[in-house]
Amino acid sequence: GEQLRQEYVFMPQKVKEVYLAHLLEGMDARYSVRSAVIFVATCRQCQVLSLMLAELGVEHVALHAAKTQAQRSAALDRFKSGVAPVMIATDVASRGL
């Protein structure tokens, strides 16, 4: 069946985005991880991280309150289908997952 693996990594604030990008780029090949959900505290953090991942070419979706319900549903469908293996979500959005 499906296997869920949760990991917490503590690191200095100034390197966390770089380390996250490193983990996501090797997600499938190096770590045999099919998908990942990243929780952030605010809509702004979600949008900034989404811009960074887009710039790095990481396929992802973002879920936060600033998106319409249709946009959130479409993003969730892309994640569930595997089209976008990474989802960034605010803490509030996590309640509906």
Protein backbone atom coordinates (compact mmCIF):
# COMPACT_ATOMS: atom_id res chain seq x y z
CA GLY A 1 0.00 0.00 0.00
CA GLU A 2 0.81 3.67 0.22
CA GLN A 3 3.59 4.69 2.55
CA LEU A 4 3.81 8.09 4.18
CA ARG A 5 7.16 9.29 5.41
CA GLN A 6 7.50 12.49 7.39
CA GLU A 7 10.82 14.14 8.07
CA TYR A 8 11.78 17.29 9.91
CA VAL A 9 15.02 19.07 9.15
CA PHE A 10 16.21 21.90 11.36
CA MET A 11 18.67 24.34 9.81
CA PRO A 12 19.69 27.99 9.92
CA GLN A 13 17.10 30.40 8.52
CA LYS A 14 19.51 31.79 5.92
CA VAL A 15 20.01 28.45 4.11
CA LYS A 16 16.59 26.83 4.28
CA GLU A 17 15.40 27.78 0.76
CA VAL A 18 18.65 26.57 -0.82
CA TYR A 19 18.48 23.29 1.08
CA LEU A 20 14.81 22.82 0.17
CA ALA A 21 15.62 23.33 -3.53
CA HIS A 22 18.43 20.77 -3.20
CA LEU A 23 16.05 18.22 -1.62
CA LEU A 24 13.33 18.77 -4.21
CA GLU A 25 15.67 18.52 -7.20
CA GLY A 26 16.83 15.07 -6.06
CA MET A 27 13.44 14.02 -4.74
CA ASP A 28 12.71 11.15 -7.09
CA ALA A 29 16.14 9.93 -8.16
CA ARG A 30 18.08 10.30 -4.95
CA TYR A 31 15.41 9.84 -2.28
CA SER A 32 12.76 7.74 -4.10
CA VAL A 33 10.05 10.20 -3.09
CA ARG A 34 7.08 10.55 -5.44
CA SER A 35 5.53 13.69 -3.96
CA ALA A 36 6.02 16.28 -1.23
CA VAL A 37 3.85 18.76 0.67
CA ILE A 38 5.51 21.84 2.12
CA PHE A 39 3.60 23.81 4.75
CA VAL A 40 4.26 27.52 5.28
CA ALA A 41 2.73 29.99 7.72
CA THR A 42 1.43 32.74 5.40
CA CYS A 43 0.07 33.35 1.91
CA ARG A 44 3.05 35.61 1.24
CA GLN A 45 5.53 32.86 2.15
CA CYS A 46 3.60 30.50 -0.11
CA GLN A 47 3.76 32.94 -3.02
CA VAL A 48 7.47 33.72 -2.53
CA LEU A 49 8.39 30.03 -2.33
CA SER A 50 6.23 29.33 -5.39
CA LEU A 51 8.09 32.02 -7.37
CA MET A 52 11.44 30.58 -6.30
CA LEU A 53 10.49 27.03 -7.30
CA ALA A 54 9.12 28.26 -10.63
CA GLU A 55 12.39 30.07 -11.30
CA LEU A 56 14.29 26.84 -10.54
CA GLY A 57 12.02 24.82 -12.84
CA VAL A 58 10.49 22.70 -10.06
CA GLU A 59 6.98 21.59 -11.08
CA HIS A 60 4.65 22.47 -8.19
CA VAL A 61 1.30 23.89 -7.13
CA ALA A 62 0.47 26.38 -4.39
CA LEU A 63 -2.60 26.37 -2.13
CA HIS A 64 -3.48 29.45 -0.10
CA ALA A 65 -6.41 31.69 0.76
CA ALA A 66 -5.58 34.30 -1.92
CA LYS A 67 -6.53 31.82 -4.65
CA THR A 68 -10.12 31.28 -5.76
CA GLN A 69 -11.84 28.01 -4.95
CA ALA A 70 -11.55 26.99 -8.62
CA GLN A 71 -7.80 27.68 -8.57
CA ARG A 72 -7.38 25.70 -5.34
CA SER A 73 -9.37 22.77 -6.76
CA ALA A 74 -7.34 22.78 -9.99
CA ALA A 75 -4.08 22.89 -8.01
CA LEU A 76 -5.17 20.01 -5.81
CA ASP A 77 -6.17 17.96 -8.88
CA ARG A 78 -2.74 18.58 -10.47
CA PHE A 79 -1.03 17.43 -7.29
CA LYS A 80 -3.22 14.35 -6.78
CA SER A 81 -2.75 13.26 -10.41
CA GLY A 82 1.03 13.54 -10.11
CA VAL A 83 1.36 16.27 -12.74
CA ALA A 84 2.83 18.50 -10.03
CA PRO A 85 4.75 16.39 -7.50
CA VAL A 86 5.24 19.26 -5.05
CA MET A 87 2.51 21.19 -3.23
CA ILE A 88 3.11 24.28 -1.12
CA ALA A 89 0.25 25.06 1.28
CA THR A 90 -0.44 27.48 4.09
CA ASP A 91 -1.25 26.11 7.52
CA VAL A 92 -4.88 27.13 6.99
CA ALA A 93 -5.06 25.22 3.68
CA SER A 94 -3.64 22.16 5.41
CA ARG A 95 -6.86 21.74 7.39
CA GLY A 96 -8.77 20.96 4.21
CA LEU A 97 -6.29 18.38 2.94
